[in-house]
Every structure is written in C-alpha cells, then in structure tokens.
C-alpha cells in the first residue's frame, strides 16, 4: 500500500433547519451528528484504523489528513442532481485526489501524508460513484465510503483500486466501473479523472 484516499458520507445528522414535525427536546443543534451519527462515525474510524494498521505508523501524526467539506445548502443543488450534473458535487474532492496523487507519484514531491479522509454529503459520494459507473443508482448509507487505494503490483507498476464500504464490519468491495478497469494503472486513473474534471 502506498496511499489511501477515503471519501465518506458523514454519520446521521439532525435536520439543518427547524421543522414543525420535530420533537422540541432534540438534544443536538441543527445539522449536528445525532447520538447514532456519533456511533456510526466512531465505527468508521475503527474500521479505517484496523484496515490501515500495518500501513500507518503510530507515532507519525502528519501521515493522516482529515477534511470536512461544508455543504452549500441552497435549493438549486437538488435540481443539479436531478438533471445529472454529478460533476458539480464531486469535482472538489476528485480535484484533491488528482492533486495529491500527482504530487506524490508523478512529481515525486515528498509529503508525510499516507491517508486522507474526506467527510462529505451523500450527494458527493453518490456523484463519485455515478461518474465511475453510469448505471449506479443506489443511495449511500450513513458513513458509506469510497476508497481510492494506491499500491504497487508484483511488476512494480503503481495501480489504483476503487472500493466501496457500506458496512464497517465487512471488507469493502471493488466499485463496478463502466469507463475504466478496476484496479487500473495509476496513470490511466489520473488521466481518466482529469478528463472528467475538464468536461
């Protein structure tokens, strides 16, 4: 394993605004993780810790990056999803994936990070999966994660595999793709994503 990039849907949250149908004594503020959301997120963290325990070094905190992307919550975002504009949701994180992997493996820039975890919305996770496979039509569960793992095969060729984790007590599955092989060579993957970002 050379690098892992994880894009996760956040855990269960409270509604982002007040609603007449909600109980008045909800302990969490609007848009915050519920008690169940905290448990889901904790289990995701344990899953990642177990999955990458041989890959990460215990006394090097800079090897882990964590990014939370606040949602832009306005009405047109639902219209964009309905009209098939998946790129709008996914381009931010896909751009970060390309930039990170390009710096580390194409340009040879030394960076201490080995694992980057992005917490995003269900729309962003769905959009990434839809861009990889146009037939994808499922709704990502809380803490569902798209995982981009870079590794070297027996021939010393750098490859990327894209995985989907929907249950933290099971191994993630390879994402079905209709536009490139999975796993595929790193260069092929980066060229594919760059092509998406230019469109």
C-alpha atoms as a PDB file:
ATOM      1  CA  UNK A   1       0.000   0.000   0.000  1.00  0.00           C
ATOM      2  CA  UNK A   2       1.344   3.419  -0.958  1.00  0.00           C
ATOM      3  CA  UNK A   3      -1.571   5.781  -0.294  1.00  0.00           C
ATOM      4  CA  UNK A   4      -5.264   5.716   0.594  1.00  0.00           C
ATOM      5  CA  UNK A   5      -7.846   8.408  -0.037  1.00  0.00           C
ATOM      6  CA  UNK A   6     -11.222   7.910   1.687  1.00  0.00           C
ATOM      7  CA  UNK A   7     -14.352   9.900   0.820  1.00  0.00           C
ATOM      8  CA  UNK A   8     -17.062   9.219   3.396  1.00  0.00           C
ATOM      9  CA  UNK A   9     -20.622  10.287   3.857  1.00  0.00           C
ATOM     10  CA  UNK A  10     -20.998  11.800   7.314  1.00  0.00           C
ATOM     11  CA  UNK A  11     -22.917   9.996  10.045  1.00  0.00           C
ATOM     12  CA  UNK A  12     -26.589  10.620  10.754  1.00  0.00           C
ATOM     13  CA  UNK A  13     -27.310  14.284  11.447  1.00  0.00           C
ATOM     14  CA  UNK A  14     -30.164  16.359  12.723  1.00  0.00           C
ATOM     15  CA  UNK A  15     -32.094  18.435  10.162  1.00  0.00           C
ATOM     16  CA  UNK A  16     -30.331  21.618   9.114  1.00  0.00           C
ATOM     17  CA  UNK A  17     -33.332  23.803   9.965  1.00  0.00           C
ATOM     18  CA  UNK A  18     -36.244  23.774  12.369  1.00  0.00           C
ATOM     19  CA  UNK A  19     -39.237  21.700  11.312  1.00  0.00           C
ATOM     20  CA  UNK A  20     -42.751  21.527  12.805  1.00  0.00           C
ATOM     21  CA  UNK A  21     -42.696  17.721  12.879  1.00  0.00           C
ATOM     22  CA  UNK A  22     -39.547  17.504  15.014  1.00  0.00           C
ATOM     23  CA  UNK A  23     -39.736  16.993  18.755  1.00  0.00           C
ATOM     24  CA  UNK A  24     -38.961  20.132  20.749  1.00  0.00           C
ATOM     25  CA  UNK A  25     -36.427  18.450  23.033  1.00  0.00           C
ATOM     26  CA  UNK A  26     -33.853  17.309  20.464  1.00  0.00           C
ATOM     27  CA  UNK A  27     -30.514  17.494  22.343  1.00  0.00           C
ATOM     28  CA  UNK A  28     -28.391  18.224  19.267  1.00  0.00           C
ATOM     29  CA  UNK A  29     -28.362  21.533  17.436  1.00  0.00           C
ATOM     30  CA  UNK A  30     -29.378  21.774  13.772  1.00  0.00           C
ATOM     31  CA  UNK A  31     -27.045  19.984  11.339  1.00  0.00           C
ATOM     32  CA  UNK A  32     -25.093  18.190  14.080  1.00  0.00           C
ATOM     33  CA  UNK A  33     -24.366  14.497  14.453  1.00  0.00           C
ATOM     34  CA  UNK A  34     -27.012  12.609  16.395  1.00  0.00           C
ATOM     35  CA  UNK A  35     -26.038  10.054  19.035  1.00  0.00           C
ATOM     36  CA  UNK A  36     -26.379   7.360  16.348  1.00  0.00           C
ATOM     37  CA  UNK A  37     -24.323   9.514  13.968  1.00  0.00           C
ATOM     38  CA  UNK A  38     -21.519   9.671  16.544  1.00  0.00           C
ATOM     39  CA  UNK A  39     -21.599   5.871  16.856  1.00  0.00           C
ATOM     40  CA  UNK A  40     -21.559   5.434  13.060  1.00  0.00           C
ATOM     41  CA  UNK A  41     -18.601   7.790  12.720  1.00  0.00           C
ATOM     42  CA  UNK A  42     -16.741   6.089  15.574  1.00  0.00           C
ATOM     43  CA  UNK A  43     -17.234   2.680  13.893  1.00  0.00           C
ATOM     44  CA  UNK A  44     -15.949   4.119  10.609  1.00  0.00           C
ATOM     45  CA  UNK A  45     -12.842   5.369  12.416  1.00  0.00           C
ATOM     46  CA  UNK A  46     -12.274   1.929  13.949  1.00  0.00           C
ATOM     47  CA  UNK A  47     -12.750   0.304  10.538  1.00  0.00           C
ATOM     48  CA  UNK A  48     -10.111   2.594   8.983  1.00  0.00           C
ATOM     49  CA  UNK A  49      -7.755   2.048  11.906  1.00  0.00           C
ATOM     50  CA  UNK A  50      -7.958  -1.738  11.534  1.00  0.00           C
ATOM     51  CA  UNK A  51      -7.759  -1.660   7.729  1.00  0.00           C
ATOM     52  CA  UNK A  52      -4.633   0.531   7.671  1.00  0.00           C
ATOM     53  CA  UNK A  53      -2.891  -0.516  10.917  1.00  0.00           C
ATOM     54  CA  UNK A  54       0.059  -2.080   9.070  1.00  0.00           C
ATOM     55  CA  UNK A  55       0.274   0.878   6.713  1.00  0.00           C
ATOM     56  CA  UNK A  56       0.283   3.724   9.244  1.00  0.00           C
ATOM     57  CA  UNK A  57       2.978   4.360  11.833  1.00  0.00           C
ATOM     58  CA  UNK A  58       1.679   5.044  15.338  1.00  0.00           C
ATOM     59  CA  UNK A  59       3.965   7.975  16.203  1.00  0.00           C
ATOM     60  CA  UNK A  60       3.617   9.999  12.972  1.00  0.00           C
ATOM     61  CA  UNK A  61       0.505  12.195  13.210  1.00  0.00           C
ATOM     62  CA  UNK A  62       1.231  14.002   9.913  1.00  0.00           C
ATOM     63  CA  UNK A  63       0.544  10.835   7.929  1.00  0.00           C
ATOM     64  CA  UNK A  64      -3.214  11.349   8.359  1.00  0.00           C
ATOM     65  CA  UNK A  65      -5.140  14.238   6.820  1.00  0.00           C
ATOM     66  CA  UNK A  66      -8.812  14.816   7.586  1.00  0.00           C
ATOM     67  CA  UNK A  67     -11.025  17.251   5.706  1.00  0.00           C
ATOM     68  CA  UNK A  68     -14.652  18.125   6.327  1.00  0.00           C
ATOM     69  CA  UNK A  69     -16.452  19.887   3.499  1.00  0.00           C
ATOM     70  CA  UNK A  70     -19.409  22.027   4.493  1.00  0.00           C
ATOM     71  CA  UNK A  71     -22.361  21.650   2.221  1.00  0.00           C
ATOM     72  CA  UNK A  72     -23.567  24.554   0.163  1.00  0.00           C
ATOM     73  CA  UNK A  73     -27.189  24.248   1.092  1.00  0.00           C
ATOM     74  CA  UNK A  74     -29.328  26.043  -1.376  1.00  0.00           C
ATOM     75  CA  UNK A  75     -32.261  24.872  -3.442  1.00  0.00           C
ATOM     76  CA  UNK A  76     -30.605  24.505  -6.816  1.00  0.00           C
ATOM     77  CA  UNK A  77     -28.372  21.689  -5.603  1.00  0.00           C
ATOM     78  CA  UNK A  78     -31.280  19.233  -5.784  1.00  0.00           C
ATOM     79  CA  UNK A  79     -32.085  20.344  -9.300  1.00  0.00           C
ATOM     80  CA  UNK A  80     -28.486  19.793 -10.355  1.00  0.00           C
ATOM     81  CA  UNK A  81     -28.556  16.231  -9.063  1.00  0.00           C
ATOM     82  CA  UNK A  82     -31.833  15.514 -10.812  1.00  0.00           C
ATOM     83  CA  UNK A  83     -30.506  16.782 -14.133  1.00  0.00           C
ATOM     84  CA  UNK A  84     -27.446  14.534 -13.980  1.00  0.00           C
ATOM     85  CA  UNK A  85     -24.844  17.125 -13.008  1.00  0.00           C
ATOM     86  CA  UNK A  86     -22.813  14.778 -10.792  1.00  0.00           C
ATOM     87  CA  UNK A  87     -19.550  16.564 -11.508  1.00  0.00           C
ATOM     88  CA  UNK A  88     -20.692  19.649  -9.608  1.00  0.00           C
ATOM     89  CA  UNK A  89     -20.733  17.659  -6.353  1.00  0.00           C
ATOM     90  CA  UNK A  90     -17.668  15.540  -6.944  1.00  0.00           C
ATOM     91  CA  UNK A  91     -15.211  17.916  -8.616  1.00  0.00           C
ATOM     92  CA  UNK A  92     -13.822  19.398  -5.397  1.00  0.00           C
ATOM     93  CA  UNK A  93     -12.793  16.084  -3.887  1.00  0.00           C
ATOM     94  CA  UNK A  94     -11.789  14.490  -7.213  1.00  0.00           C
ATOM     95  CA  UNK A  95      -9.546  17.501  -7.848  1.00  0.00           C
ATOM     96  CA  UNK A  96      -7.948  16.904  -4.454  1.00  0.00           C
ATOM     97  CA  UNK A  97      -7.464  13.205  -5.250  1.00  0.00           C
ATOM     98  CA  UNK A  98      -5.732  14.056  -8.550  1.00  0.00           C
ATOM     99  CA  UNK A  99      -3.578  16.786  -6.993  1.00  0.00           C
ATOM    100  CA  UNK A 100      -2.456  14.587  -4.100  1.00  0.00           C
ATOM    101  CA  UNK A 101      -1.664  11.513  -6.204  1.00  0.00           C
ATOM    102  CA  UNK A 102       0.013  13.628  -8.883  1.00  0.00           C
ATOM    103  CA  UNK A 103       2.284  15.359  -6.354  1.00  0.00           C
ATOM    104  CA  UNK A 104       3.269  12.126  -4.640  1.00  0.00           C
ATOM    105  CA  UNK A 105       3.631   9.771  -7.590  1.00  0.00           C
ATOM    106  CA  UNK A 106       4.136  11.832 -10.768  1.00  0.00           C
ATOM    107  CA  UNK A 107       6.122  14.783  -9.438  1.00  0.00           C
ATOM    108  CA  UNK A 108       7.815  12.889  -6.595  1.00  0.00           C
ATOM    109  CA  UNK A 109       7.086  15.593  -4.018  1.00  0.00           C
ATOM    110  CA  UNK A 110       7.778  14.293  -0.524  1.00  0.00           C
ATOM    111  CA  UNK A 111       4.712  14.602   1.693  1.00  0.00           C
ATOM    112  CA  UNK A 112       4.257  12.931   5.067  1.00  0.00           C
ATOM    113  CA  UNK A 113       0.587  12.066   4.493  1.00  0.00           C
ATOM    114  CA  UNK A 114      -0.372   8.484   3.643  1.00  0.00           C
ATOM    115  CA  UNK A 115      -4.107   8.543   4.371  1.00  0.00           C
ATOM    116  CA  UNK A 116      -6.551  11.346   3.595  1.00  0.00           C
ATOM    117  CA  UNK A 117     -10.127  11.139   4.868  1.00  0.00           C
ATOM    118  CA  UNK A 118     -12.797  13.453   3.439  1.00  0.00           C
ATOM    119  CA  UNK A 119     -16.167  13.773   5.190  1.00  0.00           C
ATOM    120  CA  UNK A 120     -18.823  14.860   2.714  1.00  0.00           C
ATOM    121  CA  UNK A 121     -22.514  14.626   1.902  1.00  0.00           C
ATOM    122  CA  UNK A 122     -24.399  11.708   0.407  1.00  0.00           C
ATOM    123  CA  UNK A 123     -24.698  13.717  -2.834  1.00  0.00           C
ATOM    124  CA  UNK A 124     -20.907  13.874  -3.170  1.00  0.00           C
ATOM    125  CA  UNK A 125     -20.384  10.159  -2.508  1.00  0.00           C
ATOM    126  CA  UNK A 126     -23.215   9.279  -4.909  1.00  0.00           C
ATOM    127  CA  UNK A 127     -21.768  11.583  -7.572  1.00  0.00           C
ATOM    128  CA  UNK A 128     -18.319   9.985  -7.432  1.00  0.00           C
ATOM    129  CA  UNK A 129     -19.860   6.533  -7.840  1.00  0.00           C
ATOM    130  CA  UNK A 130     -22.119   7.729 -10.668  1.00  0.00           C
ATOM    131  CA  UNK A 131     -19.162   9.254 -12.542  1.00  0.00           C
ATOM    132  CA  UNK A 132     -17.339   5.913 -12.349  1.00  0.00           C
ATOM    133  CA  UNK A 133     -20.372   3.834 -13.314  1.00  0.00           C
ATOM    134  CA  UNK A 134     -23.295   5.480 -15.107  1.00  0.00           C
ATOM    135  CA  UNK A 135     -25.608   2.629 -14.065  1.00  0.00           C
ATOM    136  CA  UNK A 136     -25.019   3.270 -10.330  1.00  0.00           C
ATOM    137  CA  UNK A 137     -28.364   4.208  -8.808  1.00  0.00           C
ATOM    138  CA  UNK A 138     -28.184   3.463  -5.101  1.00  0.00           C
ATOM    139  CA  UNK A 139     -28.330   5.875  -2.162  1.00  0.00           C
ATOM    140  CA  UNK A 140     -25.177   5.803   0.007  1.00  0.00           C
ATOM    141  CA  UNK A 141     -25.904   4.900   3.622  1.00  0.00           C
ATOM    142  CA  UNK A 142     -24.518   6.922   6.524  1.00  0.00           C
ATOM    143  CA  UNK A 143     -20.698   6.633   6.643  1.00  0.00           C
ATOM    144  CA  UNK A 144     -20.562   4.897   3.246  1.00  0.00           C
ATOM    145  CA  UNK A 145     -17.028   5.379   1.952  1.00  0.00           C
ATOM    146  CA  UNK A 146     -15.428   5.442  -1.474  1.00  0.00           C
ATOM    147  CA  UNK A 147     -11.807   4.377  -1.014  1.00  0.00           C
ATOM    148  CA  UNK A 148      -9.039   5.051  -3.531  1.00  0.00           C
ATOM    149  CA  UNK A 149      -6.054   2.841  -2.692  1.00  0.00           C
ATOM    150  CA  UNK A 150      -2.715   3.174  -4.471  1.00  0.00           C
ATOM    151  CA  UNK A 151      -0.484   0.115  -4.410  1.00  0.00           C
ATOM    152  CA  UNK A 152       2.353  -1.465  -6.327  1.00  0.00           C
ATOM    153  CA  UNK A 153       1.720  -4.799  -8.053  1.00  0.00           C
ATOM    154  CA  UNK A 154       4.229  -7.665  -8.387  1.00  0.00           C
ATOM    155  CA  UNK A 155       5.687  -5.985 -11.509  1.00  0.00           C
ATOM    156  CA  UNK A 156       6.294  -2.745  -9.540  1.00  0.00           C
ATOM    157  CA  UNK A 157       3.545  -0.963 -11.509  1.00  0.00           C
ATOM    158  CA  UNK A 158       1.583   1.572  -9.458  1.00  0.00           C
ATOM    159  CA  UNK A 159      -2.143   0.844  -9.527  1.00  0.00           C
ATOM    160  CA  UNK A 160      -5.318   2.333  -8.079  1.00  0.00           C
ATOM    161  CA  UNK A 161      -8.266   0.351  -6.869  1.00  0.00           C
ATOM    162  CA  UNK A 162     -11.578   1.997  -6.030  1.00  0.00           C
ATOM    163  CA  UNK A 163     -13.557   0.352  -3.250  1.00  0.00           C
ATOM    164  CA  UNK A 164     -16.936   0.985  -1.639  1.00  0.00           C
ATOM    165  CA  UNK A 165     -17.501   0.341   2.042  1.00  0.00           C
ATOM    166  CA  UNK A 166     -21.093   0.353   3.259  1.00  0.00           C
ATOM    167  CA  UNK A 167     -20.628  -1.792   6.370  1.00  0.00           C
ATOM    168  CA  UNK A 168     -17.788  -1.214   8.796  1.00  0.00           C
ATOM    169  CA  UNK A 169     -17.767  -4.865   9.865  1.00  0.00           C
ATOM    170  CA  UNK A 170     -17.160  -6.180   6.317  1.00  0.00           C
ATOM    171  CA  UNK A 171     -14.396  -5.757   3.754  1.00  0.00           C
ATOM    172  CA  UNK A 172     -15.074  -3.066   1.146  1.00  0.00           C
ATOM    173  CA  UNK A 173     -15.991  -4.193  -2.362  1.00  0.00           C
ATOM    174  CA  UNK A 174     -14.479  -3.157  -5.698  1.00  0.00           C
ATOM    175  CA  UNK A 175     -16.602  -0.465  -7.327  1.00  0.00           C
ATOM    176  CA  UNK A 176     -18.113  -1.511 -10.631  1.00  0.00           C
ATOM    177  CA  UNK A 177     -16.878   0.843 -13.331  1.00  0.00           C
ATOM    178  CA  UNK A 178     -18.030   1.140 -16.916  1.00  0.00           C
ATOM    179  CA  UNK A 179     -15.336   3.569 -18.048  1.00  0.00           C
ATOM    180  CA  UNK A 180     -12.052   2.026 -16.858  1.00  0.00           C
ATOM    181  CA  UNK A 181     -10.750  -1.164 -15.282  1.00  0.00           C
ATOM    182  CA  UNK A 182     -10.734  -1.510 -11.530  1.00  0.00           C
ATOM    183  CA  UNK A 183      -7.976  -1.783 -10.444  1.00  0.00           C
ATOM    184  CA  UNK A 184      -6.095   0.063 -13.152  1.00  0.00           C
ATOM    185  CA  UNK A 185      -2.709   1.696 -13.615  1.00  0.00           C
ATOM    186  CA  UNK A 186      -2.267   4.949 -11.710  1.00  0.00           C
ATOM    187  CA  UNK A 187      -1.583   6.931 -14.892  1.00  0.00           C
ATOM    188  CA  UNK A 188      -4.747   5.612 -16.536  1.00  0.00           C
ATOM    189  CA  UNK A 189      -6.771   6.519 -13.441  1.00  0.00           C
ATOM    190  CA  UNK A 190      -5.336  10.045 -13.225  1.00  0.00           C
ATOM    191  CA  UNK A 191      -5.888  10.646 -16.962  1.00  0.00           C
ATOM    192  CA  UNK A 192      -9.488   9.441 -16.622  1.00  0.00           C
ATOM    193  CA  UNK A 193     -10.260  11.722 -13.666  1.00  0.00           C
ATOM    194  CA  UNK A 194      -8.516  14.693 -15.319  1.00  0.00           C
ATOM    195  CA  UNK A 195     -10.724  14.096 -18.364  1.00  0.00           C
ATOM    196  CA  UNK A 196     -13.827  14.207 -16.164  1.00  0.00           C
ATOM    197  CA  UNK A 197     -12.685  17.416 -14.479  1.00  0.00           C
ATOM    198  CA  UNK A 198     -12.109  19.137 -17.846  1.00  0.00           C
ATOM    199  CA  UNK A 199     -15.619  18.337 -19.105  1.00  0.00           C
END
